[in-house]
Amino acid sequence: MNAGHRAGMALAILAAFGFSFKAILVKLAYPYGVDAITLLALRMAFAMPVFLWVGITASRGAPNLSVRDWVGVVVMGLAGYYGASVFDFLGLQYISAGLERLILFTYPTLTLLFGMALAHRLATRREATALALCYIGIGAAFWHDLEFATDGTTIWLGSGLVFGSAVCYAVYLTGSARLIGRLGTARFAALATLISTAAVFGHFLAVQPVTALVQPWPVYGYALAMGLFSTALPVFAQSAAIRRLGSPRVALVSMLGPLATIGFAGWLLAEPLSLAQLLGAALVIAGIALVSRC
């Protein structure tokens, strides 16, 4: 294994753990009384300087964006970062971090389904098997949460919200390929994130007074960690890993994410583990592995 490959693997693992730890940080912040939109606004505020710097740097000497490019960046930013984040943070109020990560991890299957719909084709046998494994696994993890819940309605609500987040992210992945090719990964990611940050701030001001930003110090610490370690760092680490290893290998490494979230949730949040949850995680990972080979 050469130095470039080792660096790519390290970056891919760092991205997987950074993304997976976001749900843990959200769950740790909620007991302090912060609401989902305020916490999301704080997260984006801490991440914004990084993306602003990257956006300015990546735009130096680059061609100006056309009106069509700007429309695409705005739509993708609203779908992939704003919509997905809002649904995710709201959903985490109701379900475990482990179930949240497994539901979110279905976005490759949703991207596959969107691609099939656009191409007007049916699933192959391998694709159908992958889809079945993923959604049977989600069902097993969902049953785990229902067993430990005092109100099953909240599990349905939270799961629906997080699934909405996965749909938004799949829309973003499906629609962003042309823009990434034109603008470059760093410039596109930075601009789309800045658009979503503006939308989050607008959402916050529409539903909360500015005084809601006054929170206990631990909330600021968790939001800072989310903004840097679970947002900015993994976004760019994953992009750098893809350049060194390619998308298929990085997708395989990202399968560490659900297992890491379940492990951290048991350790830091005292979330219960069960055979159904572990079986569900194994089935989802197996399904994603099949999708990545399709």
C-alpha atoms as a PDB file:
ATOM      1  CA  MET A   1       0.000   0.000   0.000  1.00  0.00           C
ATOM      2  CA  ASN A   2       1.591   3.280  -1.110  1.00  0.00           C
ATOM      3  CA  ALA A   3       1.508   6.555   0.815  1.00  0.00           C
ATOM      4  CA  GLY A   4      -1.302   8.007  -1.319  1.00  0.00           C
ATOM      5  CA  HIS A   5      -3.494   4.948  -0.724  1.00  0.00           C
ATOM      6  CA  ARG A   6      -2.818   5.029   3.030  1.00  0.00           C
ATOM      7  CA  ALA A   7      -3.680   8.736   3.141  1.00  0.00           C
ATOM      8  CA  GLY A   8      -6.889   8.074   1.191  1.00  0.00           C
ATOM      9  CA  MET A   9      -7.931   5.310   3.587  1.00  0.00           C
ATOM     10  CA  ALA A  10      -7.214   7.527   6.598  1.00  0.00           C
ATOM     11  CA  LEU A  11      -9.259  10.364   5.098  1.00  0.00           C
ATOM     12  CA  ALA A  12     -12.166   8.031   4.241  1.00  0.00           C
ATOM     13  CA  ILE A  13     -12.219   6.611   7.774  1.00  0.00           C
ATOM     14  CA  LEU A  14     -12.044  10.131   9.243  1.00  0.00           C
ATOM     15  CA  ALA A  15     -15.007  11.191   7.081  1.00  0.00           C
ATOM     16  CA  ALA A  16     -17.036   8.118   8.051  1.00  0.00           C
ATOM     17  CA  PHE A  17     -16.477   8.693  11.766  1.00  0.00           C
ATOM     18  CA  GLY A  18     -17.098  12.434  11.478  1.00  0.00           C
ATOM     19  CA  PHE A  19     -20.439  11.969   9.735  1.00  0.00           C
ATOM     20  CA  SER A  20     -21.455   9.142  12.092  1.00  0.00           C
ATOM     21  CA  PHE A  21     -20.747  11.195  15.236  1.00  0.00           C
ATOM     22  CA  LYS A  22     -23.148  13.995  14.256  1.00  0.00           C
ATOM     23  CA  ALA A  23     -26.213  12.163  15.593  1.00  0.00           C
ATOM     24  CA  ILE A  24     -24.416  11.545  18.907  1.00  0.00           C
ATOM     25  CA  LEU A  25     -23.638  15.252  19.302  1.00  0.00           C
ATOM     26  CA  VAL A  26     -27.234  16.203  18.514  1.00  0.00           C
ATOM     27  CA  LYS A  27     -28.520  13.738  21.096  1.00  0.00           C
ATOM     28  CA  LEU A  28     -26.052  15.041  23.701  1.00  0.00           C
ATOM     29  CA  ALA A  29     -27.232  18.634  23.122  1.00  0.00           C
ATOM     30  CA  TYR A  30     -30.996  18.049  23.309  1.00  0.00           C
ATOM     31  CA  PRO A  31     -31.164  17.424  27.100  1.00  0.00           C
ATOM     32  CA  TYR A  32     -30.080  21.050  27.637  1.00  0.00           C
ATOM     33  CA  GLY A  33     -33.400  22.234  26.173  1.00  0.00           C
ATOM     34  CA  VAL A  34     -32.203  23.503  22.790  1.00  0.00           C
ATOM     35  CA  ASP A  35     -34.675  23.009  19.926  1.00  0.00           C
ATOM     36  CA  ALA A  36     -33.762  21.421  16.603  1.00  0.00           C
ATOM     37  CA  ILE A  37     -33.744  24.602  14.477  1.00  0.00           C
ATOM     38  CA  THR A  38     -31.681  26.617  16.956  1.00  0.00           C
ATOM     39  CA  LEU A  39     -29.140  23.803  17.236  1.00  0.00           C
ATOM     40  CA  LEU A  40     -28.967  23.520  13.453  1.00  0.00           C
ATOM     41  CA  ALA A  41     -28.460  27.296  13.137  1.00  0.00           C
ATOM     42  CA  LEU A  42     -25.582  27.155  15.630  1.00  0.00           C
ATOM     43  CA  ARG A  43     -24.020  24.224  13.760  1.00  0.00           C
ATOM     44  CA  MET A  44     -24.151  26.074  10.439  1.00  0.00           C
ATOM     45  CA  ALA A  45     -22.842  29.284  12.013  1.00  0.00           C
ATOM     46  CA  PHE A  46     -19.730  27.473  13.238  1.00  0.00           C
ATOM     47  CA  ALA A  47     -19.220  25.708   9.891  1.00  0.00           C
ATOM     48  CA  MET A  48     -19.874  28.806   7.761  1.00  0.00           C
ATOM     49  CA  PRO A  49     -16.400  30.445   8.040  1.00  0.00           C
ATOM     50  CA  VAL A  50     -14.748  27.286   6.723  1.00  0.00           C
ATOM     51  CA  PHE A  51     -17.066  26.984   3.726  1.00  0.00           C
ATOM     52  CA  LEU A  52     -16.869  30.750   3.069  1.00  0.00           C
ATOM     53  CA  TRP A  53     -13.067  30.577   2.949  1.00  0.00           C
ATOM     54  CA  VAL A  54     -13.130  27.500   0.686  1.00  0.00           C
ATOM     55  CA  GLY A  55     -15.730  29.096  -1.592  1.00  0.00           C
ATOM     56  CA  ILE A  56     -13.688  32.278  -2.004  1.00  0.00           C
ATOM     57  CA  THR A  57     -10.444  30.365  -2.543  1.00  0.00           C
ATOM     58  CA  ALA A  58     -11.940  27.926  -5.049  1.00  0.00           C
ATOM     59  CA  SER A  59     -13.619  30.753  -6.990  1.00  0.00           C
ATOM     60  CA  ARG A  60     -10.438  32.748  -7.582  1.00  0.00           C
ATOM     61  CA  GLY A  61      -9.648  32.700 -11.271  1.00  0.00           C
ATOM     62  CA  ALA A  62     -12.602  30.408 -11.995  1.00  0.00           C
ATOM     63  CA  PRO A  63     -15.246  31.284 -14.609  1.00  0.00           C
ATOM     64  CA  ASN A  64     -18.304  33.146 -13.375  1.00  0.00           C
ATOM     65  CA  LEU A  65     -21.411  31.091 -12.732  1.00  0.00           C
ATOM     66  CA  SER A  66     -24.214  31.366 -15.254  1.00  0.00           C
ATOM     67  CA  VAL A  67     -27.791  31.977 -14.159  1.00  0.00           C
ATOM     68  CA  ARG A  68     -28.475  28.293 -14.769  1.00  0.00           C
ATOM     69  CA  ASP A  69     -25.520  27.332 -12.569  1.00  0.00           C
ATOM     70  CA  TRP A  70     -26.749  29.573  -9.756  1.00  0.00           C
ATOM     71  CA  VAL A  71     -30.258  28.106  -9.978  1.00  0.00           C
ATOM     72  CA  GLY A  72     -28.777  24.616  -9.766  1.00  0.00           C
ATOM     73  CA  VAL A  73     -26.575  25.507  -6.779  1.00  0.00           C
ATOM     74  CA  VAL A  74     -29.533  27.071  -4.945  1.00  0.00           C
ATOM     75  CA  VAL A  75     -31.854  24.110  -5.606  1.00  0.00           C
ATOM     76  CA  MET A  76     -29.216  21.539  -4.634  1.00  0.00           C
ATOM     77  CA  GLY A  77     -28.195  23.514  -1.555  1.00  0.00           C
ATOM     78  CA  LEU A  78     -31.789  23.743  -0.378  1.00  0.00           C
ATOM     79  CA  ALA A  79     -32.433  20.044  -1.006  1.00  0.00           C
ATOM     80  CA  GLY A  80     -29.157  18.450   0.012  1.00  0.00           C
ATOM     81  CA  TYR A  81     -27.983  20.508   2.962  1.00  0.00           C
ATOM     82  CA  TYR A  82     -30.927  22.558   4.218  1.00  0.00           C
ATOM     83  CA  GLY A  83     -33.807  20.107   3.683  1.00  0.00           C
ATOM     84  CA  ALA A  84     -31.826  17.033   4.648  1.00  0.00           C
ATOM     85  CA  SER A  85     -30.465  18.697   7.800  1.00  0.00           C
ATOM     86  CA  VAL A  86     -33.816  20.058   8.991  1.00  0.00           C
ATOM     87  CA  PHE A  87     -35.573  16.692   8.604  1.00  0.00           C
ATOM     88  CA  ASP A  88     -32.653  14.900  10.262  1.00  0.00           C
ATOM     89  CA  PHE A  89     -32.432  17.177  13.312  1.00  0.00           C
ATOM     90  CA  LEU A  90     -36.205  17.052  13.806  1.00  0.00           C
ATOM     91  CA  GLY A  91     -36.249  13.271  13.475  1.00  0.00           C
ATOM     92  CA  LEU A  92     -33.500  12.819  16.063  1.00  0.00           C
ATOM     93  CA  GLN A  93     -35.878  14.226  18.682  1.00  0.00           C
ATOM     94  CA  TYR A  94     -37.900  11.005  18.411  1.00  0.00           C
ATOM     95  CA  ILE A  95     -35.664   8.060  17.464  1.00  0.00           C
ATOM     96  CA  SER A  96     -32.346   6.584  18.527  1.00  0.00           C
ATOM     97  CA  ALA A  97     -29.084   7.672  16.955  1.00  0.00           C
ATOM     98  CA  GLY A  98     -28.526   4.107  15.719  1.00  0.00           C
ATOM     99  CA  LEU A  99     -31.833   3.944  13.838  1.00  0.00           C
ATOM    100  CA  GLU A 100     -31.277   7.438  12.441  1.00  0.00           C
ATOM    101  CA  ARG A 101     -27.934   6.464  10.922  1.00  0.00           C
ATOM    102  CA  LEU A 102     -29.326   3.268   9.390  1.00  0.00           C
ATOM    103  CA  ILE A 103     -32.264   5.116   7.801  1.00  0.00           C
ATOM    104  CA  LEU A 104     -29.983   7.858   6.473  1.00  0.00           C
ATOM    105  CA  PHE A 105     -27.661   5.205   5.082  1.00  0.00           C
ATOM    106  CA  THR A 106     -30.357   4.142   2.619  1.00  0.00           C
ATOM    107  CA  TYR A 107     -29.600   7.186   0.445  1.00  0.00           C
ATOM    108  CA  PRO A 108     -27.557   5.088  -2.059  1.00  0.00           C
ATOM    109  CA  THR A 109     -30.597   2.867  -2.648  1.00  0.00           C
ATOM    110  CA  LEU A 110     -32.795   5.947  -3.124  1.00  0.00           C
ATOM    111  CA  THR A 111     -30.246   7.399  -5.548  1.00  0.00           C
ATOM    112  CA  LEU A 112     -30.380   4.085  -7.425  1.00  0.00           C
ATOM    113  CA  LEU A 113     -34.192   4.210  -7.529  1.00  0.00           C
ATOM    114  CA  PHE A 114     -34.182   7.806  -8.804  1.00  0.00           C
ATOM    115  CA  GLY A 115     -31.676   6.854 -11.487  1.00  0.00           C
ATOM    116  CA  MET A 116     -33.824   3.907 -12.543  1.00  0.00           C
ATOM    117  CA  ALA A 117     -36.882   6.160 -12.748  1.00  0.00           C
ATOM    118  CA  LEU A 118     -35.033   8.721 -14.878  1.00  0.00           C
ATOM    119  CA  ALA A 119     -33.725   5.971 -17.163  1.00  0.00           C
ATOM    120  CA  HIS A 120     -37.160   4.264 -17.326  1.00  0.00           C
ATOM    121  CA  ARG A 121     -35.758   0.844 -16.434  1.00  0.00           C
ATOM    122  CA  LEU A 122     -36.465  -1.905 -13.902  1.00  0.00           C
ATOM    123  CA  ALA A 123     -34.071  -3.143 -11.232  1.00  0.00           C
ATOM    124  CA  THR A 124     -31.674  -5.961 -12.010  1.00  0.00           C
ATOM    125  CA  ARG A 125     -31.663  -9.031  -9.786  1.00  0.00           C
ATOM    126  CA  ARG A 126     -28.644  -7.751  -7.844  1.00  0.00           C
ATOM    127  CA  GLU A 127     -30.222  -4.310  -7.400  1.00  0.00           C
ATOM    128  CA  ALA A 128     -33.513  -5.837  -6.237  1.00  0.00           C
ATOM    129  CA  THR A 129     -31.635  -8.006  -3.725  1.00  0.00           C
ATOM    130  CA  ALA A 130     -29.724  -4.990  -2.437  1.00  0.00           C
ATOM    131  CA  LEU A 131     -32.931  -2.993  -1.998  1.00  0.00           C
ATOM    132  CA  ALA A 132     -34.625  -5.879  -0.186  1.00  0.00           C
ATOM    133  CA  LEU A 133     -31.684  -6.345   2.203  1.00  0.00           C
ATOM    134  CA  CYS A 134     -31.578  -2.626   3.053  1.00  0.00           C
ATOM    135  CA  TYR A 135     -35.265  -2.245   3.797  1.00  0.00           C
ATOM    136  CA  ILE A 136     -35.560  -5.535   5.705  1.00  0.00           C
ATOM    137  CA  GLY A 137     -32.628  -4.281   7.778  1.00  0.00           C
ATOM    138  CA  ILE A 138     -34.369  -0.966   8.417  1.00  0.00           C
ATOM    139  CA  GLY A 139     -37.451  -2.909   9.478  1.00  0.00           C
ATOM    140  CA  ALA A 140     -35.415  -4.900  12.003  1.00  0.00           C
ATOM    141  CA  ALA A 141     -33.828  -1.749  13.452  1.00  0.00           C
ATOM    142  CA  PHE A 142     -37.246  -0.049  13.494  1.00  0.00           C
ATOM    143  CA  TRP A 143     -38.657  -2.992  15.470  1.00  0.00           C
ATOM    144  CA  HIS A 144     -35.789  -2.601  17.951  1.00  0.00           C
ATOM    145  CA  ASP A 145     -36.766   1.034  18.627  1.00  0.00           C
ATOM    146  CA  LEU A 146     -40.453   0.114  18.913  1.00  0.00           C
ATOM    147  CA  GLU A 147     -39.623  -2.498  21.569  1.00  0.00           C
ATOM    148  CA  PHE A 148     -37.955   0.105  23.796  1.00  0.00           C
ATOM    149  CA  ALA A 149     -40.314   3.024  23.064  1.00  0.00           C
ATOM    150  CA  THR A 150     -43.052   4.204  25.414  1.00  0.00           C
ATOM    151  CA  ASP A 151     -44.944   5.779  22.496  1.00  0.00           C
ATOM    152  CA  GLY A 152     -44.721   4.004  19.145  1.00  0.00           C
ATOM    153  CA  THR A 153     -46.178   7.026  17.342  1.00  0.00           C
ATOM    154  CA  THR A 154     -43.009   9.021  17.956  1.00  0.00           C
ATOM    155  CA  ILE A 155     -40.912   6.264  16.340  1.00  0.00           C
ATOM    156  CA  TRP A 156     -43.057   6.421  13.217  1.00  0.00           C
ATOM    157  CA  LEU A 157     -42.807  10.221  13.161  1.00  0.00           C
ATOM    158  CA  GLY A 158     -39.054  10.325  13.737  1.00  0.00           C
ATOM    159  CA  SER A 159     -38.374   7.588  11.194  1.00  0.00           C
ATOM    160  CA  GLY A 160     -40.504   9.386   8.601  1.00  0.00           C
ATOM    161  CA  LEU A 161     -38.632  12.641   9.153  1.00  0.00           C
ATOM    162  CA  VAL A 162     -35.217  10.984   8.867  1.00  0.00           C
ATOM    163  CA  PHE A 163     -36.331   9.093   5.766  1.00  0.00           C
ATOM    164  CA  GLY A 164     -37.322  12.492   4.344  1.00  0.00           C
ATOM    165  CA  SER A 165     -33.753  13.585   5.046  1.00  0.00           C
ATOM    166  CA  ALA A 166     -32.414  10.583   3.109  1.00  0.00           C
ATOM    167  CA  VAL A 167     -34.727  11.419   0.193  1.00  0.00           C
ATOM    168  CA  CYS A 168     -33.465  15.031   0.141  1.00  0.00           C
ATOM    169  CA  TYR A 169     -29.853  13.891   0.135  1.00  0.00           C
ATOM    170  CA  ALA A 170     -30.528  11.378  -2.642  1.00  0.00           C
ATOM    171  CA  VAL A 171     -32.106  14.169  -4.711  1.00  0.00           C
ATOM    172  CA  TYR A 172     -28.972  16.226  -4.100  1.00  0.00           C
ATOM    173  CA  LEU A 173     -26.675  13.401  -5.232  1.00  0.00           C
ATOM    174  CA  THR A 174     -28.799  12.686  -8.301  1.00  0.00           C
ATOM    175  CA  GLY A 175     -28.954  16.298  -9.418  1.00  0.00           C
ATOM    176  CA  SER A 176     -25.509  17.593  -8.517  1.00  0.00           C
ATOM    177  CA  ALA A 177     -23.273  15.545 -10.863  1.00  0.00           C
ATOM    178  CA  ARG A 178     -23.372  18.092 -13.713  1.00  0.00           C
ATOM    179  CA  LEU A 179     -22.714  21.020 -11.390  1.00  0.00           C
ATOM    180  CA  ILE A 180     -19.793  19.274  -9.688  1.00  0.00           C
ATOM    181  CA  GLY A 181     -18.311  18.573 -13.114  1.00  0.00           C
ATOM    182  CA  ARG A 182     -18.603  22.249 -14.083  1.00  0.00           C
ATOM    183  CA  LEU A 183     -17.650  23.925 -10.802  1.00  0.00           C
ATOM    184  CA  GLY A 184     -15.424  21.379  -9.074  1.00  0.00           C
ATOM    185  CA  THR A 185     -16.176  19.517  -5.859  1.00  0.00           C
ATOM    186  CA  ALA A 186     -14.825  22.084  -3.378  1.00  0.00           C
ATOM    187  CA  ARG A 187     -16.418  25.127  -5.014  1.00  0.00           C
ATOM    188  CA  PHE A 188     -19.786  23.448  -5.454  1.00  0.00           C
ATOM    189  CA  ALA A 189     -19.865  22.024  -1.910  1.00  0.00           C
ATOM    190  CA  ALA A 190     -18.911  25.383  -0.417  1.00  0.00           C
ATOM    191  CA  LEU A 191     -21.473  27.374  -2.409  1.00  0.00           C
ATOM    192  CA  ALA A 192     -24.281  24.864  -1.808  1.00  0.00           C
ATOM    193  CA  THR A 193     -23.514  24.835   1.919  1.00  0.00           C
ATOM    194  CA  LEU A 194     -23.525  28.631   2.095  1.00  0.00           C
ATOM    195  CA  ILE A 195     -26.930  28.695   0.377  1.00  0.00           C
ATOM    196  CA  SER A 196     -28.248  26.187   2.887  1.00  0.00           C
ATOM    197  CA  THR A 197     -26.757  28.214   5.751  1.00  0.00           C
ATOM    198  CA  ALA A 198     -28.695  31.275   4.612  1.00  0.00           C
ATOM    199  CA  ALA A 199     -31.870  29.155   4.446  1.00  0.00           C
ATOM    200  CA  VAL A 200     -31.265  27.780   7.948  1.00  0.00           C
ATOM    201  CA  PHE A 201     -30.754  31.292   9.340  1.00  0.00           C
ATOM    202  CA  GLY A 202     -33.951  32.455   7.624  1.00  0.00           C
ATOM    203  CA  HIS A 203     -35.843  29.473   9.045  1.00  0.00           C
ATOM    204  CA  PHE A 204     -34.493  30.199  12.521  1.00  0.00           C
ATOM    205  CA  LEU A 205     -35.487  33.874  12.404  1.00  0.00           C
ATOM    206  CA  ALA A 206     -38.976  32.907  11.205  1.00  0.00           C
ATOM    207  CA  VAL A 207     -39.694  30.557  14.114  1.00  0.00           C
ATOM    208  CA  GLN A 208     -37.480  31.721  17.000  1.00  0.00           C
ATOM    209  CA  PRO A 209     -36.461  35.011  18.614  1.00  0.00           C
ATOM    210  CA  VAL A 210     -32.776  35.922  18.379  1.00  0.00           C
ATOM    211  CA  THR A 211     -32.530  35.410  22.151  1.00  0.00           C
ATOM    212  CA  ALA A 212     -32.943  31.656  21.514  1.00  0.00           C
ATOM    213  CA  LEU A 213     -29.275  31.686  20.491  1.00  0.00           C
ATOM    214  CA  VAL A 214     -28.416  32.172  24.165  1.00  0.00           C
ATOM    215  CA  GLN A 215     -27.797  28.586  25.261  1.00  0.00           C
ATOM    216  CA  PRO A 216     -25.864  26.757  27.972  1.00  0.00           C
ATOM    217  CA  TRP A 217     -22.145  26.483  27.213  1.00  0.00           C
ATOM    218  CA  PRO A 218     -22.259  22.711  26.515  1.00  0.00           C
ATOM    219  CA  VAL A 219     -24.683  23.382  23.641  1.00  0.00           C
ATOM    220  CA  TYR A 220     -22.141  25.726  22.019  1.00  0.00           C
ATOM    221  CA  GLY A 221     -19.475  23.059  22.458  1.00  0.00           C
ATOM    222  CA  TYR A 222     -21.591  20.384  20.801  1.00  0.00           C
ATOM    223  CA  ALA A 223     -22.611  22.762  17.983  1.00  0.00           C
ATOM    224  CA  LEU A 224     -18.962  23.721  17.396  1.00  0.00           C
ATOM    225  CA  ALA A 225     -17.985  20.042  17.238  1.00  0.00           C
ATOM    226  CA  MET A 226     -20.838  19.401  14.788  1.00  0.00           C
ATOM    227  CA  GLY A 227     -19.885  22.352  12.603  1.00  0.00           C
ATOM    228  CA  LEU A 228     -16.209  21.420  12.376  1.00  0.00           C
ATOM    229  CA  PHE A 229     -15.759  17.706  13.075  1.00  0.00           C
ATOM    230  CA  SER A 230     -19.102  16.435  11.725  1.00  0.00           C
ATOM    231  CA  THR A 231     -19.696  18.913   8.862  1.00  0.00           C
ATOM    232  CA  ALA A 232     -16.732  20.778   7.371  1.00  0.00           C
ATOM    233  CA  LEU A 233     -13.984  18.240   8.080  1.00  0.00           C
ATOM    234  CA  PRO A 234     -15.757  15.107   6.754  1.00  0.00           C
ATOM    235  CA  VAL A 235     -17.070  16.919   3.645  1.00  0.00           C
ATOM    236  CA  PHE A 236     -13.570  17.818   2.506  1.00  0.00           C
ATOM    237  CA  ALA A 237     -11.948  14.642   3.850  1.00  0.00           C
ATOM    238  CA  GLN A 238     -14.382  12.559   1.824  1.00  0.00           C
ATOM    239  CA  SER A 239     -13.718  14.593  -1.321  1.00  0.00           C
ATOM    240  CA  ALA A 240      -9.954  14.161  -0.862  1.00  0.00           C
ATOM    241  CA  ALA A 241     -10.402  10.430  -0.239  1.00  0.00           C
ATOM    242  CA  ILE A 242     -12.434  10.041  -3.439  1.00  0.00           C
ATOM    243  CA  ARG A 243      -9.637  11.700  -5.421  1.00  0.00           C
ATOM    244  CA  ARG A 244      -7.136   9.163  -4.037  1.00  0.00           C
ATOM    245  CA  LEU A 245      -9.229   5.981  -3.884  1.00  0.00           C
ATOM    246  CA  GLY A 246     -12.253   6.499  -6.133  1.00  0.00           C
ATOM    247  CA  SER A 247     -15.922   6.539  -5.153  1.00  0.00           C
ATOM    248  CA  PRO A 248     -16.473   2.734  -4.861  1.00  0.00           C
ATOM    249  CA  ARG A 249     -13.735   2.232  -2.246  1.00  0.00           C
ATOM    250  CA  VAL A 250     -14.776   5.300  -0.276  1.00  0.00           C
ATOM    251  CA  ALA A 251     -18.384   4.030  -0.322  1.00  0.00           C
ATOM    252  CA  LEU A 252     -17.205   0.744   1.170  1.00  0.00           C
ATOM    253  CA  VAL A 253     -15.238   2.508   3.921  1.00  0.00           C
ATOM    254  CA  SER A 254     -18.274   4.680   4.713  1.00  0.00           C
ATOM    255  CA  MET A 255     -20.067   1.508   5.825  1.00  0.00           C
ATOM    256  CA  LEU A 256     -18.191   1.912   9.087  1.00  0.00           C
ATOM    257  CA  GLY A 257     -20.568   4.820   9.803  1.00  0.00           C
ATOM    258  CA  PRO A 258     -23.682   2.965  11.009  1.00  0.00           C
ATOM    259  CA  LEU A 259     -21.621   0.597  13.153  1.00  0.00           C
ATOM    260  CA  ALA A 260     -19.708   3.530  14.645  1.00  0.00           C
ATOM    261  CA  THR A 261     -22.952   5.379  15.437  1.00  0.00           C
ATOM    262  CA  ILE A 262     -24.474   2.310  17.108  1.00  0.00           C
ATOM    263  CA  GLY A 263     -21.293   1.797  19.126  1.00  0.00           C
ATOM    264  CA  PHE A 264     -21.023   5.436  20.197  1.00  0.00           C
ATOM    265  CA  ALA A 265     -24.756   5.532  21.013  1.00  0.00           C
ATOM    266  CA  GLY A 266     -24.406   2.548  23.329  1.00  0.00           C
ATOM    267  CA  TRP A 267     -21.313   4.012  24.979  1.00  0.00           C
ATOM    268  CA  LEU A 268     -22.147   7.726  25.292  1.00  0.00           C
ATOM    269  CA  LEU A 269     -25.957   7.757  25.215  1.00  0.00           C
ATOM    270  CA  ALA A 270     -26.636   4.418  26.915  1.00  0.00           C
ATOM    271  CA  GLU A 271     -28.929   3.454  24.042  1.00  0.00           C
ATOM    272  CA  PRO A 272     -29.927  -0.218  24.369  1.00  0.00           C
ATOM    273  CA  LEU A 273     -28.551  -2.777  21.926  1.00  0.00           C
ATOM    274  CA  SER A 274     -30.428  -5.818  20.688  1.00  0.00           C
ATOM    275  CA  LEU A 275     -29.976  -8.663  18.238  1.00  0.00           C
ATOM    276  CA  ALA A 276     -32.640  -7.068  15.978  1.00  0.00           C
ATOM    277  CA  GLN A 277     -30.645  -3.832  15.744  1.00  0.00           C
ATOM    278  CA  LEU A 278     -27.361  -5.602  14.990  1.00  0.00           C
ATOM    279  CA  LEU A 279     -29.073  -7.822  12.425  1.00  0.00           C
ATOM    280  CA  GLY A 280     -30.659  -4.759  10.847  1.00  0.00           C
ATOM    281  CA  ALA A 281     -27.277  -3.017  10.643  1.00  0.00           C
ATOM    282  CA  ALA A 282     -25.707  -6.093   9.018  1.00  0.00           C
ATOM    283  CA  LEU A 283     -28.486  -6.313   6.417  1.00  0.00           C
ATOM    284  CA  VAL A 284     -28.314  -2.604   5.550  1.00  0.00           C
ATOM    285  CA  ILE A 285     -24.529  -2.752   5.156  1.00  0.00           C
ATOM    286  CA  ALA A 286     -24.828  -5.873   2.986  1.00  0.00           C
ATOM    287  CA  GLY A 287     -27.400  -4.126   0.809  1.00  0.00           C
ATOM    288  CA  ILE A 288     -25.257  -1.012   0.405  1.00  0.00           C
ATOM    289  CA  ALA A 289     -22.260  -3.212  -0.463  1.00  0.00           C
ATOM    290  CA  LEU A 290     -24.323  -4.764  -3.283  1.00  0.00           C
ATOM    291  CA  VAL A 291     -25.487  -1.346  -4.492  1.00  0.00           C
ATOM    292  CA  SER A 292     -21.905  -0.077  -4.620  1.00  0.00           C
ATOM    293  CA  ARG A 293     -21.029  -2.954  -6.938  1.00  0.00           C
ATOM    294  CA  CYS A 294     -24.003  -2.463  -9.250  1.00  0.00           C
END
